[in-house]
């Protein structure tokens, strides 16, 4: 009888420990640990709040810790927000923003880090649900000085839903204590064959603090120079947009990793990499592979055809030297918004020209850099790596071909920014179905970034013809 009573009590205690908790209106004014599964925006909440306008706030100075899972929005038409004020922090095992467990639609979730707020979150999913979901929205906002760290898994996007990651001077940092093989990031998703886009935009940093940890770098190379297996997963099924919001600012992906790539990544034709409003995108860097003279920047590095350059504003480079063997050289690429003032003068401009993408690209040897951990801004000419010639093939924005006045697409290069001379090194007819353009071979320039400045430009070839009768 005593044993039966003990077991019954133990079962009751276990049930309490694992019970779900529901919030529609909750404020954490002081530090608190909640070890139950938490649902924010749920019809079962009894705190007097409305699931259609649910709000949980972590006040400045407080720390909210949850060792289970936190779900933002779990019933139809729920609108849920988790706000972490400046000076506050959260430490969560798992966060799901806009959770549709079944076929619920109309779910909206917002996770907001205000200025200088901190979050440590192991697993983040933004919009989760089944393929039939329609119209669910998940948003993550990271203000200036705010950060999410300790990320092992970040999955943003589900079929027929809207996902936005808005960074306004904040940081997303992957867990550098883990092996990169244990870390993954999806921007958008190819959920069971259904298209699901996602957008990450703004300015700030996304990646590892330790440059030695790079997702999708081959962990071994066989005797033929082919990759062994990859570390982690970094996939872009949506858009990454460096948005300076009117000031010359960077979105730094240089220490994130190299995205894997497939034909499903760009079903809509416009997924890829962008820079707008004086923004600059520091592209993911990648170590060159032994014995290979060509790799793809911005996507799967070892694709063999033009169609493997899936994402807009990605490119492939082709060195002339097919027997090059190196393990410490890297391509650094930066994508510039056309309205920045640090672009060399002389690029053809005016009403006949449409600047689609402007790059600064360089080839560097980091064998002498401490742990190969160097930021773009710290590069010097001591790190420049030589080459004989190279040519580039770009996937330009197919919308360039839809501009009525664009008759031809050209690639211009400035090899010496002090002189401001741009030379045409490639041209092609505009095409939405095959938006690729390849350059001629060229040698190293004198600038720090020795591929030089590269611009993809749509042009009205012949100007306006006036006939006088």
Protein backbone atom coordinates (compact mmCIF):
# COMPACT_ATOMS: atom_id res chain seq x y z
CA UNK A 1 0.00 0.00 0.00
CA UNK A 2 2.84 2.36 0.93
CA UNK A 3 4.71 1.47 -2.27
CA UNK A 4 1.55 2.13 -4.33
CA UNK A 5 1.15 5.52 -2.67
CA UNK A 6 4.80 6.44 -3.38
CA UNK A 7 4.44 5.47 -7.04
CA UNK A 8 1.21 7.44 -7.33
CA UNK A 9 2.85 10.53 -5.84
CA UNK A 10 5.88 10.12 -8.06
CA UNK A 11 3.63 9.89 -11.12
CA UNK A 12 1.77 13.01 -10.04
CA UNK A 13 5.02 14.92 -9.55
CA UNK A 14 6.24 13.83 -12.99
CA UNK A 15 2.97 14.92 -14.57
CA UNK A 16 3.24 18.35 -12.96
CA UNK A 17 6.86 18.72 -14.09
CA UNK A 18 5.93 17.96 -17.70
CA UNK A 19 2.65 19.92 -17.82
CA UNK A 20 2.17 22.59 -20.48
CA UNK A 21 1.85 26.24 -19.47
CA UNK A 22 -0.24 28.76 -21.44
CA UNK A 23 0.32 32.53 -21.52
CA UNK A 24 -1.65 35.30 -23.21
CA UNK A 25 -0.51 38.07 -20.90
CA UNK A 26 2.66 37.60 -18.87
CA UNK A 27 5.44 39.87 -17.61
CA UNK A 28 8.75 38.65 -16.19
CA UNK A 29 9.89 41.51 -13.95
CA UNK A 30 12.52 39.42 -12.19
CA UNK A 31 14.58 36.38 -13.08
CA UNK A 32 12.61 33.16 -13.29
CA UNK A 33 13.05 29.60 -14.54
CA UNK A 34 10.13 27.78 -16.11
CA UNK A 35 10.78 24.10 -16.82
CA UNK A 36 7.46 23.38 -18.53
CA UNK A 37 6.53 23.60 -22.20
CA UNK A 38 5.24 27.15 -22.73
CA UNK A 39 2.59 28.20 -25.28
CA UNK A 40 2.21 31.94 -25.91
CA UNK A 41 -1.08 32.80 -27.59
CA UNK A 42 -3.35 29.90 -26.82
CA UNK A 43 -7.08 29.45 -26.18
CA UNK A 44 -6.35 27.41 -23.04
CA UNK A 45 -4.61 30.29 -21.22
CA UNK A 46 -6.40 31.46 -18.07
CA UNK A 47 -4.49 34.69 -17.39
CA UNK A 48 -7.20 36.91 -18.85
CA UNK A 49 -5.31 37.76 -22.02
CA UNK A 50 -6.49 37.40 -25.58
CA UNK A 51 -4.75 34.79 -27.80
CA UNK A 52 -5.42 37.08 -30.76
CA UNK A 53 -3.13 39.65 -29.11
CA UNK A 54 -0.91 37.70 -26.72
CA UNK A 55 2.17 39.35 -25.22
CA UNK A 56 4.96 38.09 -22.98
CA UNK A 57 7.53 40.69 -21.90
CA UNK A 58 10.87 40.14 -20.19
CA UNK A 59 11.66 43.40 -18.40
CA UNK A 60 15.08 45.03 -18.16
CA UNK A 61 17.26 43.30 -15.59
CA UNK A 62 15.30 40.04 -15.68
CA UNK A 63 16.41 36.68 -17.05
CA UNK A 64 13.83 34.14 -18.23
CA UNK A 65 15.15 30.59 -18.47
CA UNK A 66 13.26 27.72 -20.05
CA UNK A 67 14.74 24.25 -20.37
CA UNK A 68 11.91 22.78 -22.47
CA UNK A 69 10.21 24.48 -25.44
CA UNK A 70 8.54 27.83 -26.04
CA UNK A 71 5.89 28.14 -28.77
CA UNK A 72 4.64 31.48 -30.09
CA UNK A 73 1.14 30.98 -31.47
CA UNK A 74 -0.32 27.50 -31.46
CA UNK A 75 -4.01 27.97 -32.22
CA UNK A 76 -5.73 29.37 -35.30
CA UNK A 77 -5.71 33.18 -35.62
CA UNK A 78 -3.39 33.61 -32.65
CA UNK A 79 -1.12 36.65 -32.72
CA UNK A 80 1.73 36.25 -30.25
CA UNK A 81 4.72 38.36 -29.30
CA UNK A 82 7.69 37.69 -27.05
CA UNK A 83 9.54 40.93 -26.29
CA UNK A 84 12.90 41.06 -24.51
CA UNK A 85 13.67 44.57 -23.36
CA UNK A 86 17.12 46.15 -23.36
CA UNK A 87 19.13 44.89 -20.40
CA UNK A 88 17.03 41.72 -20.18
CA UNK A 89 17.85 38.25 -21.48
CA UNK A 90 16.32 34.86 -22.20
CA UNK A 91 17.98 31.45 -22.11
CA UNK A 92 15.86 28.98 -24.06
CA UNK A 93 16.41 25.43 -25.21
CA UNK A 94 13.94 25.66 -28.12
CA UNK A 95 11.90 28.53 -29.56
CA UNK A 96 9.26 28.11 -32.28
CA UNK A 97 7.79 31.30 -33.73
CA UNK A 98 4.33 30.80 -35.30
CA UNK A 99 3.68 27.17 -34.44
CA UNK A 100 0.96 25.36 -36.37
CA UNK A 101 0.88 21.85 -34.95
CA UNK A 102 -1.92 20.73 -37.25
CA UNK A 103 -3.47 22.61 -40.15
CA UNK A 104 -4.05 25.85 -38.24
CA UNK A 105 -3.79 29.01 -40.32
CA UNK A 106 -3.72 32.71 -39.53
CA UNK A 107 -1.03 32.27 -36.87
CA UNK A 108 1.35 35.19 -36.38
CA UNK A 109 4.40 35.16 -34.11
CA UNK A 110 6.99 37.85 -33.36
CA UNK A 111 10.17 37.40 -31.34
CA UNK A 112 11.67 40.80 -30.61
CA UNK A 113 15.01 41.68 -29.05
CA UNK A 114 15.17 45.37 -28.23
CA UNK A 115 18.46 47.32 -28.13
CA UNK A 116 21.14 45.51 -26.11
CA UNK A 117 18.86 42.63 -25.18
CA UNK A 118 20.46 39.17 -25.10
CA UNK A 119 19.24 35.70 -25.95
CA UNK A 120 20.88 32.30 -25.75
CA UNK A 121 18.80 29.84 -27.78
CA UNK A 122 19.90 26.39 -28.93
CA UNK A 123 17.17 25.65 -31.49
CA UNK A 124 15.06 28.22 -33.35
CA UNK A 125 12.27 27.51 -35.83
CA UNK A 126 10.43 30.40 -37.48
CA UNK A 127 7.06 29.23 -38.85
CA UNK A 128 6.49 25.51 -38.40
CA UNK A 129 3.62 23.40 -39.63
CA UNK A 130 2.27 21.06 -42.23
CA UNK A 131 2.26 21.59 -45.99
CA UNK A 132 -1.39 22.72 -46.11
CA UNK A 133 -0.78 25.76 -43.91
CA UNK A 134 -1.50 29.10 -45.60
CA UNK A 135 -0.67 32.60 -44.47
CA UNK A 136 1.12 31.96 -41.19
CA UNK A 137 3.74 34.60 -40.42
CA UNK A 138 6.88 34.42 -38.29
CA UNK A 139 9.15 37.41 -37.59
CA UNK A 140 12.40 37.71 -35.63
CA UNK A 141 13.69 41.24 -34.93
CA UNK A 142 17.15 41.90 -33.55
CA UNK A 143 17.84 45.54 -32.68
CA UNK A 144 21.21 47.29 -32.50
CA UNK A 145 23.48 45.81 -29.87
CA UNK A 146 21.15 42.85 -29.32
CA UNK A 147 22.25 39.28 -29.95
CA UNK A 148 21.17 35.68 -30.21
CA UNK A 149 24.02 33.33 -29.38
CA UNK A 150 24.52 29.61 -28.83
CA UNK A 151 22.54 28.71 -31.96
CA UNK A 152 22.85 25.07 -33.07
CA UNK A 153 19.81 24.95 -35.34
CA UNK A 154 18.08 27.85 -37.10
CA UNK A 155 15.22 26.93 -39.45
CA UNK A 156 13.31 29.84 -41.00
CA UNK A 157 10.46 28.96 -43.34
CA UNK A 158 7.57 26.61 -43.99
CA UNK A 159 5.38 25.99 -47.02
CA UNK A 160 3.05 28.84 -48.10
CA UNK A 161 4.03 30.96 -45.13
CA UNK A 162 5.95 34.21 -44.59
CA UNK A 163 9.21 34.31 -42.69
CA UNK A 164 11.24 37.45 -41.97
CA UNK A 165 14.45 37.87 -40.02
CA UNK A 166 15.06 41.60 -39.48
CA UNK A 167 18.47 42.57 -38.14
CA UNK A 168 19.05 46.22 -37.25
CA UNK A 169 22.65 46.19 -36.06
CA UNK A 170 22.32 42.98 -34.08
CA UNK A 171 24.15 39.65 -34.11
CA UNK A 172 23.23 36.01 -34.70
CA UNK A 173 26.05 33.79 -33.51
CA UNK A 174 26.32 30.03 -33.94
CA UNK A 175 27.58 27.88 -31.08
CA UNK A 176 31.37 27.87 -31.47
CA UNK A 177 31.71 25.25 -28.73
CA UNK A 178 30.12 22.69 -31.06
CA UNK A 179 31.58 20.95 -34.07
CA UNK A 180 30.29 22.70 -37.20
CA UNK A 181 28.78 19.35 -38.20
CA UNK A 182 26.25 19.85 -35.41
CA UNK A 183 25.14 23.30 -36.59
CA UNK A 184 22.61 24.12 -39.29
CA UNK A 185 20.87 27.16 -40.77
CA UNK A 186 17.99 27.27 -43.27
CA UNK A 187 16.72 30.54 -44.74
CA UNK A 188 13.50 29.37 -46.35
CA UNK A 189 12.89 25.68 -46.84
CA UNK A 190 12.07 23.02 -49.38
CA UNK A 191 9.54 21.35 -47.11
CA UNK A 192 8.48 18.02 -48.67
CA UNK A 193 8.83 19.47 -52.14
CA UNK A 194 6.76 22.58 -51.42
CA UNK A 195 8.23 26.04 -51.92
CA UNK A 196 8.80 28.08 -48.77
CA UNK A 197 10.71 31.33 -49.02
CA UNK A 198 12.31 33.30 -46.23
CA UNK A 199 13.96 36.71 -46.07
CA UNK A 200 16.84 37.78 -43.84
CA UNK A 201 17.52 41.49 -44.15
CA UNK A 202 19.28 44.40 -42.48
CA UNK A 203 22.78 44.96 -41.16
CA UNK A 204 24.83 43.22 -38.49
CA UNK A 205 26.63 39.87 -38.19
CA UNK A 206 25.56 36.28 -38.81
CA UNK A 207 27.98 33.41 -38.27
CA UNK A 208 30.58 31.83 -36.00
CA UNK A 209 32.93 33.85 -33.82
CA UNK A 210 35.55 31.22 -34.69
CA UNK A 211 36.42 31.25 -38.42
CA UNK A 212 37.73 27.68 -38.22
CA UNK A 213 34.12 26.51 -37.84
CA UNK A 214 32.50 26.80 -41.26
CA UNK A 215 29.39 24.88 -42.25
CA UNK A 216 29.60 22.78 -45.42
CA UNK A 217 33.38 22.68 -45.62
CA UNK A 218 34.54 19.18 -46.69
CA UNK A 219 36.01 17.39 -43.71
CA UNK A 220 38.20 15.17 -45.85
CA UNK A 221 39.45 14.87 -49.41
CA UNK A 222 40.11 11.63 -51.24
CA UNK A 223 43.01 10.96 -53.61
CA UNK A 224 41.05 12.32 -56.58
CA UNK A 225 40.40 15.58 -54.80
CA UNK A 226 36.68 14.95 -54.28
CA UNK A 227 34.95 16.00 -51.11
CA UNK A 228 34.34 13.50 -48.35
CA UNK A 229 31.38 14.70 -46.29
CA UNK A 230 30.14 18.08 -45.16
CA UNK A 231 29.88 19.87 -41.85
CA UNK A 232 26.40 20.94 -40.91
CA UNK A 233 23.84 22.40 -43.27
CA UNK A 234 23.58 25.97 -44.54
CA UNK A 235 20.82 26.40 -47.13
CA UNK A 236 19.37 29.52 -48.73
CA UNK A 237 15.88 28.96 -50.17
CA UNK A 238 15.03 32.65 -49.87
CA UNK A 239 16.75 36.04 -49.93
CA UNK A 240 19.60 37.53 -47.92
CA UNK A 241 19.47 41.32 -48.24
CA UNK A 242 22.10 43.71 -46.88
CA UNK A 243 19.98 46.77 -46.16
CA UNK A 244 21.95 49.74 -44.89
CA UNK A 245 18.73 51.70 -44.32
CA UNK A 246 20.29 54.84 -45.74
CA UNK A 247 23.76 54.53 -44.17
CA UNK A 248 26.85 52.63 -45.35
CA UNK A 249 26.52 49.51 -43.22
CA UNK A 250 27.44 45.83 -43.55
CA UNK A 251 25.60 42.55 -43.27
CA UNK A 252 28.46 40.20 -42.43
CA UNK A 253 28.02 36.57 -43.51
CA UNK A 254 31.75 36.02 -44.00
CA UNK A 255 32.02 33.60 -41.06
CA UNK A 256 28.77 31.74 -41.63
CA UNK A 257 29.62 28.99 -44.09
CA UNK A 258 28.93 28.13 -47.69
CA UNK A 259 25.33 27.33 -48.62
CA UNK A 260 24.55 24.05 -50.25
CA UNK A 261 22.60 24.41 -53.46
CA UNK A 262 20.06 22.63 -55.64
CA UNK A 263 17.56 23.45 -58.37
CA UNK A 264 14.78 23.66 -55.78
CA UNK A 265 16.45 26.57 -54.01
CA UNK A 266 15.31 29.13 -56.54
CA UNK A 267 11.92 28.04 -57.83
CA UNK A 268 10.71 31.65 -58.01
CA UNK A 269 13.86 32.83 -59.83
CA UNK A 270 14.70 35.68 -57.42
CA UNK A 271 16.11 33.88 -54.37
CA UNK A 272 19.68 34.87 -53.64
CA UNK A 273 21.93 37.65 -52.34
CA UNK A 274 21.20 41.39 -52.49
CA UNK A 275 22.48 44.77 -51.25
CA UNK A 276 20.22 47.84 -51.09
CA UNK A 277 19.99 51.28 -49.44
CA UNK A 278 23.77 51.75 -49.06
CA UNK A 279 24.17 48.23 -47.66
CA UNK A 280 27.12 45.93 -48.26
CA UNK A 281 26.97 42.15 -48.02
CA UNK A 282 30.13 40.34 -46.94
CA UNK A 283 29.61 37.03 -48.68
CA UNK A 284 30.38 33.65 -47.09
CA UNK A 285 34.03 32.83 -47.65
CA UNK A 286 35.24 29.42 -48.67
CA UNK A 287 38.67 27.72 -48.61
CA UNK A 288 39.73 26.55 -52.05
CA UNK A 289 39.96 22.82 -52.55
CA UNK A 290 43.16 21.00 -53.46
CA UNK A 291 43.58 20.42 -57.18
CA UNK A 292 40.48 22.38 -58.24
CA UNK A 293 40.61 25.53 -60.37
CA UNK A 294 36.91 26.44 -60.23
CA UNK A 295 34.40 26.90 -57.42
CA UNK A 296 31.04 28.56 -56.87
CA UNK A 297 30.70 31.52 -54.48
CA UNK A 298 27.28 31.96 -52.91
CA UNK A 299 26.11 28.36 -53.30
CA UNK A 300 27.20 24.76 -53.66
CA UNK A 301 30.92 25.09 -54.50
CA UNK A 302 31.40 22.02 -56.70
CA UNK A 303 28.56 22.21 -59.24
CA UNK A 304 29.80 21.63 -62.76
CA UNK A 305 27.37 23.54 -65.00
CA UNK A 306 25.98 27.05 -65.33
CA UNK A 307 22.67 25.86 -63.92
CA UNK A 308 24.45 24.92 -60.70
CA UNK A 309 24.85 28.67 -60.06
CA UNK A 310 21.32 28.68 -58.67
CA UNK A 311 21.08 31.81 -56.55
CA UNK A 312 20.84 35.37 -57.83
CA UNK A 313 24.08 37.35 -57.43
CA UNK A 314 26.21 34.27 -56.99
CA UNK A 315 29.10 33.44 -59.29
CA UNK A 316 31.66 30.86 -60.33
CA UNK A 317 35.34 31.61 -60.86
CA UNK A 318 37.66 29.73 -63.23
CA UNK A 319 41.41 30.00 -62.75
CA UNK A 320 43.58 29.07 -65.72
CA UNK A 321 45.77 26.82 -63.56
CA UNK A 322 43.99 23.46 -63.36
CA UNK A 323 46.67 21.83 -61.21
CA UNK A 324 46.66 24.34 -58.39
CA UNK A 325 46.92 22.73 -54.97
CA UNK A 326 46.16 24.84 -51.96
CA UNK A 327 44.41 24.60 -48.62
CA UNK A 328 44.80 28.11 -47.24
CA UNK A 329 43.62 30.39 -50.05
CA UNK A 330 40.18 31.98 -49.95
CA UNK A 331 37.97 34.09 -52.18
CA UNK A 332 36.63 37.16 -50.40
CA UNK A 333 33.62 38.74 -52.11
CA UNK A 334 31.60 41.81 -51.14
CA UNK A 335 28.32 42.84 -52.79
CA UNK A 336 27.61 46.59 -52.80
CA UNK A 337 24.41 48.57 -53.09
CA UNK A 338 24.66 50.78 -56.15
CA UNK A 339 24.10 53.99 -54.14
CA UNK A 340 27.19 53.65 -51.94
CA UNK A 341 29.82 56.38 -52.14
CA UNK A 342 32.85 54.08 -51.78
CA UNK A 343 32.43 52.57 -55.26
CA UNK A 344 35.19 53.82 -57.60
CA UNK A 345 34.22 56.64 -59.93
CA UNK A 346 33.90 56.07 -63.66
CA UNK A 347 31.31 53.28 -63.80
CA UNK A 348 28.97 54.02 -66.74
CA UNK A 349 25.90 55.70 -65.30
CA UNK A 350 22.88 57.64 -66.42
CA UNK A 351 19.43 56.95 -67.80
CA UNK A 352 20.73 54.26 -70.19
CA UNK A 353 22.33 52.15 -67.44
CA UNK A 354 20.81 49.90 -64.77
CA UNK A 355 23.30 48.77 -62.12
CA UNK A 356 22.25 45.24 -61.15
CA UNK A 357 25.15 44.16 -58.93
CA UNK A 358 28.49 45.68 -57.93
CA UNK A 359 31.22 43.52 -56.42
CA UNK A 360 34.67 43.77 -54.90
CA UNK A 361 36.42 40.39 -55.09
CA UNK A 362 39.88 39.24 -54.00
CA UNK A 363 42.06 36.15 -53.70
CA UNK A 364 43.87 35.80 -50.37
CA UNK A 365 46.26 33.40 -48.64
CA UNK A 366 45.48 33.12 -44.93
CA UNK A 367 48.22 30.64 -44.07
CA UNK A 368 49.91 33.26 -41.86
CA UNK A 369 46.70 34.62 -40.32
CA UNK A 370 46.08 33.54 -36.70
CA UNK A 371 43.82 30.48 -36.98
CA UNK A 372 42.73 31.81 -40.40
CA UNK A 373 40.42 34.00 -38.35
CA UNK A 374 40.52 37.41 -40.00
CA UNK A 375 37.79 39.89 -40.80
CA UNK A 376 37.51 41.52 -44.21
CA UNK A 377 38.42 44.91 -42.75
CA UNK A 378 41.72 43.53 -41.40
CA UNK A 379 43.03 42.21 -44.72
CA UNK A 380 46.30 43.69 -45.96
CA UNK A 381 48.37 43.25 -49.11
CA UNK A 382 50.53 40.75 -47.19
CA UNK A 383 47.66 38.28 -47.58
CA UNK A 384 47.16 38.72 -51.33
CA UNK A 385 47.45 35.47 -53.31
CA UNK A 386 48.67 35.56 -56.89
CA UNK A 387 47.18 33.97 -59.98
CA UNK A 388 47.80 34.12 -63.72
CA UNK A 389 44.30 34.65 -65.14
CA UNK A 390 40.73 34.10 -64.05
CA UNK A 391 37.26 34.49 -65.53
CA UNK A 392 33.88 34.73 -63.83
CA UNK A 393 30.33 33.56 -64.57
CA UNK A 394 27.53 35.42 -62.80
CA UNK A 395 23.87 34.64 -62.15
CA UNK A 396 22.37 38.10 -62.45
CA UNK A 397 18.93 39.21 -61.30
CA UNK A 398 16.52 37.96 -64.00
CA UNK A 399 14.32 41.02 -63.46
CA UNK A 400 17.01 42.96 -65.31
CA UNK A 401 15.79 41.26 -68.49
CA UNK A 402 12.26 42.54 -67.86
CA UNK A 403 13.25 46.22 -68.04
CA UNK A 404 11.92 47.38 -71.39
CA UNK A 405 14.93 49.51 -72.32
CA UNK A 406 17.61 46.92 -71.51
CA UNK A 407 19.05 45.64 -74.80
CA UNK A 408 22.24 44.09 -73.48
CA UNK A 409 23.87 43.02 -70.20
CA UNK A 410 27.54 43.87 -69.69
CA UNK A 411 30.17 43.19 -67.05
CA UNK A 412 32.60 46.01 -66.24
CA UNK A 413 35.81 45.78 -64.26
CA UNK A 414 37.90 48.37 -62.43
CA UNK A 415 41.36 46.93 -61.71
CA UNK A 416 42.79 50.09 -60.09
CA UNK A 417 40.30 52.08 -58.05
CA UNK A 418 42.66 55.08 -57.85
CA UNK A 419 42.35 55.58 -61.63
CA UNK A 420 38.60 54.99 -61.86
CA UNK A 421 38.72 53.24 -65.23
CA UNK A 422 36.04 50.61 -65.88
CA UNK A 423 36.54 48.22 -68.80
CA UNK A 424 33.92 45.95 -70.37
CA UNK A 425 35.00 42.32 -69.91
CA UNK A 426 31.83 40.48 -70.95
CA UNK A 427 28.40 40.90 -72.49
CA UNK A 428 25.26 38.87 -73.22
CA UNK A 429 21.72 39.37 -74.39
CA UNK A 430 19.29 39.76 -71.48
CA UNK A 431 17.41 36.57 -70.58
CA UNK A 432 15.08 35.73 -67.72
CA UNK A 433 15.24 32.01 -68.55
CA UNK A 434 19.05 31.90 -68.61
CA UNK A 435 20.32 34.86 -66.56
CA UNK A 436 24.03 34.06 -66.79
CA UNK A 437 26.93 36.11 -68.08
CA UNK A 438 30.59 35.14 -68.35
CA UNK A 439 33.64 37.38 -68.50
CA UNK A 440 36.83 37.18 -70.49
CA UNK A 441 40.03 36.01 -68.84
CA UNK A 442 41.81 38.74 -66.89
CA UNK A 443 44.89 39.00 -64.69
CA UNK A 444 45.27 40.33 -61.15
CA UNK A 445 44.67 44.00 -60.48
CA UNK A 446 46.77 46.30 -58.33
CA UNK A 447 44.15 46.82 -55.60
CA UNK A 448 43.97 44.87 -52.35
CA UNK A 449 41.08 42.85 -53.80
CA UNK A 450 42.94 41.66 -56.87
CA UNK A 451 39.99 40.45 -58.94
CA UNK A 452 39.04 44.11 -58.75
CA UNK A 453 35.68 45.84 -58.75
CA UNK A 454 33.12 44.06 -60.91
CA UNK A 455 29.74 45.44 -62.01
CA UNK A 456 26.86 43.74 -63.83
CA UNK A 457 25.00 46.42 -65.77
CA UNK A 458 21.93 46.40 -68.01
CA UNK A 459 22.13 48.89 -70.86
CA UNK A 460 20.05 50.53 -73.50
CA UNK A 461 22.51 49.69 -76.25
CA UNK A 462 21.82 52.30 -78.86
CA UNK A 463 20.10 55.07 -76.93
CA UNK A 464 17.10 56.88 -78.37
CA UNK A 465 16.75 57.38 -82.12
CA UNK A 466 14.98 60.54 -83.29
CA UNK A 467 13.73 60.59 -86.86
CA UNK A 468 13.15 64.03 -88.46
CA UNK A 469 10.88 64.10 -91.47
